[in-house]
Protein backbone atom coordinates (compact mmCIF):
# COMPACT_ATOMS: atom_id res chain seq x y z
CA MET A 1 0.00 0.00 0.00
CA THR A 2 1.38 3.38 -1.01
CA TRP A 3 -1.30 5.79 -2.22
CA GLN A 4 -3.39 4.92 0.84
CA PHE A 5 -0.61 6.27 3.07
CA THR A 6 -0.38 9.41 0.94
CA LEU A 7 -4.15 10.01 1.13
CA THR A 8 -4.06 9.51 4.90
CA GLY A 9 -1.18 11.97 5.16
CA LEU A 10 -3.13 14.52 3.09
CA LEU A 11 -6.18 14.35 5.36
CA ILE A 12 -4.13 14.57 8.56
CA GLY A 13 -2.02 17.39 7.09
CA VAL A 14 -5.10 19.49 6.28
CA LEU A 15 -6.49 18.84 9.77
CA VAL A 16 -3.25 19.91 11.48
CA GLY A 17 -2.88 22.93 9.19
CA VAL A 18 -6.32 24.21 10.16
CA THR A 19 -6.44 23.28 13.86
CA GLY A 20 -2.81 22.65 14.89
CA MET A 21 -3.80 19.42 16.63
CA GLY A 22 -5.07 15.89 16.10
CA GLY A 23 -2.10 14.53 14.14
CA GLY A 24 -0.68 12.10 16.68
CA SER A 25 -3.99 11.29 18.32
CA LEU A 26 -5.50 10.19 15.00
CA MET A 27 -2.55 9.07 12.86
CA THR A 28 -1.22 6.43 15.27
CA PRO A 29 -4.62 4.67 15.63
CA ILE A 30 -5.07 4.81 11.84
CA LEU A 31 -1.70 3.13 11.26
CA VAL A 32 -2.50 0.42 13.82
CA ILE A 33 -6.18 -0.25 13.05
CA ILE A 34 -6.40 0.32 9.28
CA PHE A 35 -2.89 -0.54 8.08
CA GLY A 36 -1.98 -3.18 10.68
CA VAL A 37 1.28 -1.56 11.80
CA LYS A 38 2.70 -2.71 15.14
CA PRO A 39 1.87 -0.17 17.89
CA SER A 40 5.48 0.54 18.84
CA LEU A 41 6.43 1.01 15.17
CA ALA A 42 3.33 3.14 14.50
CA ILE A 43 4.15 5.51 17.38
CA GLY A 44 7.77 6.03 16.31
CA THR A 45 6.85 6.41 12.63
CA ASP A 46 4.11 8.91 13.39
CA ILE A 47 6.34 10.98 15.69
CA LEU A 48 9.13 11.33 13.10
CA HIS A 49 6.60 12.01 10.34
CA GLY A 50 4.90 14.63 12.52
CA ALA A 51 8.17 16.39 13.26
CA ILE A 52 8.99 16.77 9.55
CA PHE A 53 5.63 17.85 8.17
CA LYS A 54 4.86 20.12 11.14
CA THR A 55 8.16 21.89 10.41
CA VAL A 56 6.81 22.71 6.95
CA GLY A 57 3.54 23.88 8.50
CA ALA A 58 5.41 26.02 11.05
CA ILE A 59 7.40 27.74 8.28
CA ARG A 60 4.17 28.48 6.42
CA HIS A 61 2.43 29.84 9.52
CA ARG A 62 5.51 31.92 10.30
CA ARG A 63 5.26 33.60 6.89
CA LEU A 64 1.57 34.25 7.52
CA GLY A 65 2.43 35.95 10.82
CA ASN A 66 0.72 33.31 12.95
CA VAL A 67 3.68 32.24 15.11
CA GLN A 68 4.80 33.58 18.50
CA ALA A 69 8.29 32.05 18.35
CA ARG A 70 9.35 33.29 21.80
CA LEU A 71 6.33 31.65 23.42
CA SER A 72 7.14 28.38 21.63
CA GLY A 73 10.73 28.63 22.86
CA TRP A 74 9.75 29.09 26.50
CA MET A 75 7.36 26.11 26.33
CA PHE A 76 10.04 23.99 24.66
CA LEU A 77 12.43 24.86 27.48
CA GLY A 78 10.18 22.89 29.81
CA SER A 79 8.71 20.29 27.45
CA ALA A 80 11.92 18.88 25.92
CA PRO A 81 13.53 17.50 29.10
CA MET A 82 10.20 16.45 30.62
CA SER A 83 9.24 14.51 27.48
CA LEU A 84 12.39 12.42 27.90
CA LEU A 85 11.50 11.87 31.55
CA GLY A 86 8.00 10.81 30.51
CA VAL A 87 9.43 8.32 27.99
CA ALA A 88 11.71 6.88 30.67
CA LEU A 89 8.81 6.49 33.12
CA ALA A 90 6.56 4.93 30.46
CA THR A 91 9.31 2.42 29.62
CA TRP A 92 9.75 1.54 33.30
CA LEU A 93 5.99 1.12 33.84
CA LYS A 94 5.71 -1.08 30.77
CA HIS A 95 8.52 -3.34 31.97
CA ARG A 96 7.00 -3.47 35.46
CA TYR A 97 3.29 -3.87 34.66
CA GLY A 98 3.11 -4.92 31.00
CA ASP A 99 1.07 -3.60 28.07
CA SER A 100 -1.99 -2.83 30.22
CA VAL A 101 -0.33 0.45 31.25
CA ASP A 102 -0.74 1.86 27.72
CA SER A 103 -4.49 1.33 27.78
CA VAL A 104 -4.93 3.01 31.18
CA GLN A 105 -2.78 6.00 30.20
CA GLY A 106 -4.66 6.45 26.94
CA ARG A 107 -8.08 6.37 28.61
CA VAL A 108 -7.09 8.93 31.25
CA LEU A 109 -5.81 11.32 28.59
CA GLY A 110 -8.86 10.63 26.41
CA ALA A 111 -11.24 11.58 29.22
CA ALA A 112 -9.31 14.82 29.76
CA LEU A 113 -9.48 15.66 26.05
CA ILE A 114 -13.24 15.03 25.91
CA PHE A 115 -13.79 17.30 28.91
CA GLY A 116 -11.59 19.99 27.39
CA GLY A 117 -13.27 19.71 24.00
CA LEU A 118 -16.75 20.13 25.47
CA GLY A 119 -15.58 23.15 27.45
CA LEU A 120 -13.98 24.77 24.42
CA LEU A 121 -17.05 24.08 22.29
CA ALA A 122 -19.30 25.72 24.88
CA LYS A 123 -16.95 28.67 25.17
CA SER A 124 -16.85 29.11 21.39
CA PHE A 125 -20.61 29.42 20.96
CA LEU A 126 -21.99 30.47 24.32
CA ARG A 127 -19.43 33.05 25.43
CA PRO A 128 -17.57 34.51 22.45
CA LYS A 129 -14.66 36.66 23.58
CA GLU A 130 -13.00 39.30 21.45
CA VAL A 131 -9.21 39.06 21.60
CA SER A 132 -6.94 41.74 20.22
CA ASP A 133 -4.86 40.89 17.14
CA ALA A 134 -2.08 43.21 18.32
CA PRO A 135 1.45 41.83 18.86
CA PHE A 136 1.59 39.66 21.98
CA ARG A 137 4.32 40.75 24.40
CA LEU A 138 5.54 38.16 26.89
CA THR A 139 5.56 39.27 30.52
CA THR A 140 7.39 37.48 33.32
CA ARG A 141 4.10 35.82 34.24
CA ASP A 142 3.69 34.60 30.66
CA ARG A 143 7.20 33.13 30.57
CA VAL A 144 6.67 31.29 33.84
CA ALA A 145 3.29 30.00 32.62
CA ALA A 146 4.84 28.85 29.31
CA VAL A 147 7.60 26.90 31.08
CA LEU A 148 5.09 25.29 33.47
CA ILE A 149 2.84 24.34 30.54
CA GLY A 150 5.88 22.85 28.82
CA LEU A 151 6.88 20.87 31.91
CA LEU A 152 3.43 19.32 32.34
CA GLY A 153 2.65 18.92 28.65
CA GLY A 154 6.06 17.48 27.78
CA PHE A 155 5.71 14.89 30.52
CA ILE A 156 2.23 13.91 29.23
CA VAL A 157 3.51 13.60 25.66
CA GLY A 158 6.47 11.47 26.74
CA LEU A 159 4.30 9.28 28.96
CA THR A 160 1.41 8.69 26.53
CA SER A 161 3.01 9.33 23.10
CA VAL A 162 0.01 11.47 22.08
CA GLY A 163 -1.30 14.92 22.82
CA SER A 164 1.52 17.18 21.56
CA GLY A 165 -1.04 19.36 19.80
CA THR A 166 -4.24 18.75 21.73
CA PHE A 167 -2.87 19.54 25.18
CA PHE A 168 -0.74 22.57 24.28
CA GLY A 169 -3.33 24.06 21.92
CA LEU A 170 -6.11 23.87 24.48
CA THR A 171 -3.93 25.21 27.31
CA MET A 172 -2.70 28.19 25.29
CA LEU A 173 -6.27 29.10 24.37
CA ILE A 174 -7.14 29.26 28.06
CA VAL A 175 -4.00 30.94 29.44
CA PHE A 176 -2.83 33.43 26.81
CA PRO A 177 -4.78 36.34 25.25
CA MET A 178 -4.19 35.29 21.64
CA ARG A 179 -6.44 34.77 18.64
CA ALA A 180 -7.04 31.17 17.56
CA HIS A 181 -5.01 31.36 14.35
CA LYS A 182 -1.94 32.52 16.32
CA ILE A 183 -2.48 29.70 18.81
CA VAL A 184 -2.47 27.23 15.90
CA GLY A 185 0.75 28.56 14.36
CA THR A 186 2.58 28.79 17.69
CA ASP A 187 1.45 25.30 18.67
CA ILE A 188 2.64 23.76 15.39
CA LEU A 189 6.12 25.29 15.77
CA HIS A 190 6.44 24.02 19.35
CA ALA A 191 5.08 20.58 18.46
CA ALA A 192 7.59 20.19 15.62
CA ALA A 193 10.52 20.97 17.92
CA LEU A 194 9.22 18.65 20.65
CA LEU A 195 8.60 15.79 18.22
CA TYR A 196 12.17 15.98 16.91
CA VAL A 197 13.41 15.22 20.43
CA ALA A 198 11.12 12.18 20.76
CA GLY A 199 11.61 11.18 17.11
CA PHE A 200 15.39 10.97 17.51
CA GLY A 201 14.95 8.53 20.37
CA HIS A 202 12.62 6.34 18.33
CA VAL A 203 15.02 6.31 15.36
CA VAL A 204 17.82 5.14 17.64
CA ALA A 205 15.52 2.47 19.09
CA GLY A 206 14.58 1.23 15.60
CA ASN A 207 10.89 2.12 15.97
CA VAL A 208 10.56 4.02 12.67
CA ASP A 209 9.51 2.74 9.22
CA LEU A 210 11.10 5.24 6.82
CA HIS A 211 9.16 3.79 3.86
CA ILE A 212 5.84 4.71 5.51
CA VAL A 213 7.19 8.10 6.60
CA GLY A 214 8.09 8.96 3.00
CA TRP A 215 4.66 8.10 1.58
CA LEU A 216 2.87 9.91 4.41
CA LEU A 217 4.93 13.05 3.76
CA LEU A 218 3.89 13.08 0.08
CA GLY A 219 0.36 13.80 1.28
CA SER A 220 0.85 15.59 4.60
CA ILE A 221 3.20 18.34 3.37
CA PRO A 222 0.79 19.72 0.73
CA GLY A 223 -2.06 19.02 3.16
CA VAL A 224 -0.63 21.18 5.95
CA LEU A 225 0.09 23.97 3.45
CA ILE A 226 -3.50 23.86 2.19
CA GLY A 227 -4.89 23.72 5.72
CA SER A 228 -2.80 26.68 6.91
CA GLN A 229 -4.01 28.76 3.95
CA TRP A 230 -7.66 27.90 4.66
CA MET A 231 -7.20 28.70 8.34
CA VAL A 232 -6.39 32.35 7.55
CA ARG A 233 -9.82 32.79 5.92
CA LEU A 234 -11.88 30.89 8.49
CA PRO A 235 -13.91 32.83 11.08
CA GLU A 236 -12.57 32.78 14.65
CA THR A 237 -15.60 30.86 15.96
CA MET A 238 -15.24 28.21 13.26
CA ILE A 239 -11.57 27.66 14.11
CA ARG A 240 -12.36 27.27 17.82
CA ALA A 241 -15.21 24.89 17.00
CA SER A 242 -12.84 22.85 14.81
CA LEU A 243 -10.34 22.66 17.67
CA ALA A 244 -13.09 21.44 19.99
CA VAL A 245 -14.27 18.76 17.54
CA VAL A 246 -10.72 17.44 17.07
CA LEU A 247 -10.31 17.27 20.86
CA LEU A 248 -13.55 15.29 21.18
CA LEU A 249 -12.66 12.85 18.38
CA SER A 250 -9.17 12.32 19.80
CA GLY A 251 -10.59 11.73 23.28
CA LEU A 252 -13.21 9.29 22.01
CA LYS A 253 -10.51 7.28 20.27
CA LEU A 254 -8.35 7.12 23.37
CA VAL A 255 -11.13 6.01 25.75
CA GLU A 256 -12.09 3.26 23.25
CA LEU A 257 -15.87 3.58 23.50
CA PRO A 258 -18.02 1.27 21.31
CA GLY A 259 -18.57 2.68 17.83
CA THR A 260 -15.69 5.14 18.17
CA ASN A 261 -14.13 4.34 14.79
CA ALA A 262 -17.38 5.04 12.95
CA THR A 263 -17.86 8.28 14.89
CA ILE A 264 -14.34 9.46 14.05
CA ALA A 265 -14.76 8.53 10.38
CA ALA A 266 -18.05 10.41 10.21
CA GLY A 267 -16.53 13.42 11.98
CA ILE A 268 -13.50 13.59 9.68
CA GLY A 269 -15.66 13.09 6.60
CA GLY A 270 -18.13 15.76 7.65
CA GLY A 271 -15.34 18.17 8.50
CA ALA A 272 -13.68 17.57 5.12
CA LEU A 273 -16.96 18.29 3.31
CA ILE A 274 -17.45 21.51 5.30
CA LEU A 275 -13.93 22.70 4.52
CA ALA A 276 -14.35 21.79 0.84
CA ALA A 277 -17.62 23.74 0.69
CA PHE A 278 -15.98 26.73 2.38
CA ALA A 279 -13.02 26.59 -0.05
CA TRP A 280 -15.42 26.46 -3.02
CA ARG A 281 -17.40 29.43 -1.70
CA ASP A 282 -14.20 31.40 -1.10
CA ARG A 283 -12.97 30.65 -4.61
CA THR A 284 -16.31 31.70 -6.11
CA ARG A 285 -16.25 34.98 -4.19
CA ARG A 286 -12.72 35.76 -5.33
CA GLN A 287 -13.66 35.02 -8.94
CA ARG A 288 -16.66 37.35 -8.68
CA ALA A 289 -14.48 40.05 -7.14
CA ARG A 290 -11.96 39.78 -9.99
CA THR A 291 -14.76 39.91 -12.56
CA GLU A 292 -16.22 43.01 -10.89
CA GLN A 293 -12.81 44.69 -10.84
CA GLN A 294 -12.31 43.93 -14.53
CA ARG A 295 -15.76 45.35 -15.32
CA LEU A 296 -15.09 48.56 -13.40
CA ALA A 297 -11.69 48.92 -15.06
CA ALA A 298 -13.29 48.50 -18.50
CA GLU A 299 -15.94 51.14 -17.65
CA ARG A 300 -13.28 53.58 -16.52
CA THR A 301 -11.36 53.01 -19.74
CA GLU A 302 -14.47 53.69 -21.84
CA VAL A 303 -15.17 56.93 -19.94
CA ALA A 304 -11.57 58.08 -20.43
CA ILE A 305 -11.83 57.46 -24.19
C-alpha cells in the first residue's frame, strides 16, 4: 500500500494545518487499526513524520504571521527535558506492569481531552470573547506560565506518546490572550521541535519505518500547506469549534468507547466536506471580485476614451 498512506497523510495534514492538533492522536490509531502496523512502530513512525511535516507547517504559519516564536521557545524549554523523563517512566511502567499500562494512560488522557473539547465548544458558541490581534508581548508571568505548561505537557507527551497538539493548543487558548489562528501557528512550531526530540529517540531504538514516513509526507506536506491557507480565511468561531471537535474525536478514540471508529470517520468526513464547501465558496467569491474589478476597469477606460 502506497497511495493509501499518501491520502491519509493529506487528510491529517489538512487537519493539522487548520487546527494545529489531532495529528498524533489520530494518525497512530489509523496506522495500527487500518494498516496493521505494530503499535510501537506506529508511534515512532508517526512521531518522526509529525516532526517533519509540522516543520513545513510552522514555516508556512511563520510567513503568515501566525507564530509567536518566543512563546514556543519558552514552552520547549520545559517540554523537551520532561518529554524524555516521561518516555523513561513509560518504559519503566511497561517493563514493570506490561502492556496494560498503555491502555490506562490512553483512557485517562482521552477523558481529559473530551472534557476539554466540550468546554472549548461551549466557550466558542456560548461566550464569544473578542481578543486583540495586536502583537503579543511576553511578561514574566507569561514566561513562567509557558515553562510550566511545557513541563506538564512534555511529561504527558512522553508518557502517553500522544497529545503534543491537543494539550498545548487547548492550554494556550485558556491561558494566553491570543487569537485562535496565532495559537495554531505557535502550537505547530512548538510541536515540531518537541517531536524531533522524541523522534530521535525512536530512530535510535529502531521504531521508525522510513518507507511509511516517506509516503505519508507526500500527502501531509501539501495538506498542511492547504490547511494553513484555509485557516487564515476561516472565522474565529469556526476555528475554535474545529479545535473542539478534534479534541472530542481524539478523546473518544483514546477512551475506546463502542462505535468510536465510525464516529471518528463520520466526523472527519463531515469536516472535510465543510472545509471543501468553504473553499469552493471562497474561490467563487474571489472570482466574482476579480470579474467586478475587470468590469469597473473596463468602464473607466471607456469613460476616459
